[in-house]
Structures are given as structure tokens and as C-alpha cells.
Amino acid sequence: MANKTVKVQLVRSPIGCQPKHRLSVKGLGLTKMNQVRELEDTPAVRGMINKVNYLVRVIEE
């Protein structure tokens, strides 16, 4: 069984957000606007995405 991945794109700036939310964006590996990262689909990654769902977009393929 292949490892599932999820693509995440940063669509809003974390400037002015809560420090914990900024750390979640950094933990996802997103540093620049419109940057896309392909991450392993784990519960930890899904939790970080849910915490900052107003900053990121999940790209479905």
C-alpha cells in the first residue's frame, strides 16, 4: 500500500496570527505565499491543517 500524500498551499499570510498558528504553518514547511508542499497524510499533519484552515488550501488531485 502506497503512502498517501496531501498537497497544501499557503494562501494567506500568517502575519498577525496567533503564535501557535504561525508555528503550525512553519511545521507544515510553508514559508512563502502560494508555496505548495506535498506532505504525508498523517493525523498530525491533518491536525495542523485543521488548526490553520483559514491560512491554507488543500489541493485535491
C-alpha atoms as a PDB file:
ATOM      1  CA  MET A   1       0.000   0.000   0.000  1.00  0.00           C
ATOM      2  CA  ALA A   2       1.453   3.331  -1.051  1.00  0.00           C
ATOM      3  CA  ASN A   3       1.770   6.185   1.413  1.00  0.00           C
ATOM      4  CA  LYS A   4      -0.940   8.771   0.873  1.00  0.00           C
ATOM      5  CA  THR A   5       0.067  12.380   0.460  1.00  0.00           C
ATOM      6  CA  VAL A   6      -1.720  15.692   0.682  1.00  0.00           C
ATOM      7  CA  LYS A   7      -0.774  18.937  -1.087  1.00  0.00           C
ATOM      8  CA  VAL A   8      -1.071  22.116   0.967  1.00  0.00           C
ATOM      9  CA  GLN A   9      -0.790  25.693  -0.318  1.00  0.00           C
ATOM     10  CA  LEU A  10      -0.315  28.819   1.822  1.00  0.00           C
ATOM     11  CA  VAL A  11      -2.917  31.338   0.609  1.00  0.00           C
ATOM     12  CA  ARG A  12      -2.904  33.931   3.429  1.00  0.00           C
ATOM     13  CA  SER A  13      -0.046  35.486   5.343  1.00  0.00           C
ATOM     14  CA  PRO A  14       0.486  34.319   8.944  1.00  0.00           C
ATOM     15  CA  ILE A  15       1.448  37.880   9.937  1.00  0.00           C
ATOM     16  CA  GLY A  16      -0.880  38.994  12.709  1.00  0.00           C
ATOM     17  CA  CYS A  17      -1.969  35.450  13.580  1.00  0.00           C
ATOM     18  CA  GLN A  18      -1.567  33.717  16.903  1.00  0.00           C
ATOM     19  CA  PRO A  19       1.984  32.488  17.580  1.00  0.00           C
ATOM     20  CA  LYS A  20       0.806  28.851  17.775  1.00  0.00           C
ATOM     21  CA  HIS A  21      -0.788  29.155  14.347  1.00  0.00           C
ATOM     22  CA  ARG A  22       2.417  30.639  12.944  1.00  0.00           C
ATOM     23  CA  LEU A  23       4.337  27.659  14.314  1.00  0.00           C
ATOM     24  CA  SER A  24       1.858  25.254  12.706  1.00  0.00           C
ATOM     25  CA  VAL A  25       2.413  26.902   9.309  1.00  0.00           C
ATOM     26  CA  LYS A  26       6.166  26.633   9.835  1.00  0.00           C
ATOM     27  CA  GLY A  27       5.749  22.998  10.888  1.00  0.00           C
ATOM     28  CA  LEU A  28       3.981  22.291   7.612  1.00  0.00           C
ATOM     29  CA  GLY A  29       7.058  23.650   5.843  1.00  0.00           C
ATOM     30  CA  LEU A  30       5.313  26.659   4.354  1.00  0.00           C
ATOM     31  CA  THR A  31       7.353  29.865   4.348  1.00  0.00           C
ATOM     32  CA  LYS A  32       6.210  31.888   1.315  1.00  0.00           C
ATOM     33  CA  MET A  33       2.851  32.865  -0.096  1.00  0.00           C
ATOM     34  CA  ASN A  34       1.391  30.439  -2.666  1.00  0.00           C
ATOM     35  CA  GLN A  35       4.056  27.862  -1.817  1.00  0.00           C
ATOM     36  CA  VAL A  36       2.880  24.257  -2.237  1.00  0.00           C
ATOM     37  CA  ARG A  37       4.186  21.359  -0.178  1.00  0.00           C
ATOM     38  CA  GLU A  38       3.377  17.684  -0.597  1.00  0.00           C
ATOM     39  CA  LEU A  39       3.188  16.077   2.839  1.00  0.00           C
ATOM     40  CA  GLU A  40       2.456  12.614   4.155  1.00  0.00           C
ATOM     41  CA  ASP A  41      -1.201  12.284   5.169  1.00  0.00           C
ATOM     42  CA  THR A  42      -0.893  11.588   8.900  1.00  0.00           C
ATOM     43  CA  PRO A  43      -3.159  12.597  11.804  1.00  0.00           C
ATOM     44  CA  ALA A  44      -0.515  15.095  12.991  1.00  0.00           C
ATOM     45  CA  VAL A  45      -0.390  16.833   9.603  1.00  0.00           C
ATOM     46  CA  ARG A  46      -4.196  16.839   9.348  1.00  0.00           C
ATOM     47  CA  GLY A  47      -4.389  18.418  12.818  1.00  0.00           C
ATOM     48  CA  MET A  48      -2.023  21.220  11.814  1.00  0.00           C
ATOM     49  CA  ILE A  49      -4.018  21.804   8.616  1.00  0.00           C
ATOM     50  CA  ASN A  50      -7.280  21.973  10.581  1.00  0.00           C
ATOM     51  CA  LYS A  51      -5.757  24.443  13.058  1.00  0.00           C
ATOM     52  CA  VAL A  52      -4.761  26.880  10.289  1.00  0.00           C
ATOM     53  CA  ASN A  53      -7.510  26.086   7.780  1.00  0.00           C
ATOM     54  CA  TYR A  54      -8.115  29.816   7.206  1.00  0.00           C
ATOM     55  CA  LEU A  55      -4.499  30.258   6.022  1.00  0.00           C
ATOM     56  CA  VAL A  56      -4.016  27.205   3.802  1.00  0.00           C
ATOM     57  CA  ARG A  57      -5.774  25.368   0.982  1.00  0.00           C
ATOM     58  CA  VAL A  58      -5.661  21.622   0.431  1.00  0.00           C
ATOM     59  CA  ILE A  59      -5.150  20.860  -3.260  1.00  0.00           C
ATOM     60  CA  GLU A  60      -7.092  17.808  -4.405  1.00  0.00           C
ATOM     61  CA  GLU A  61      -5.868  15.757  -7.335  1.00  0.00           C
END
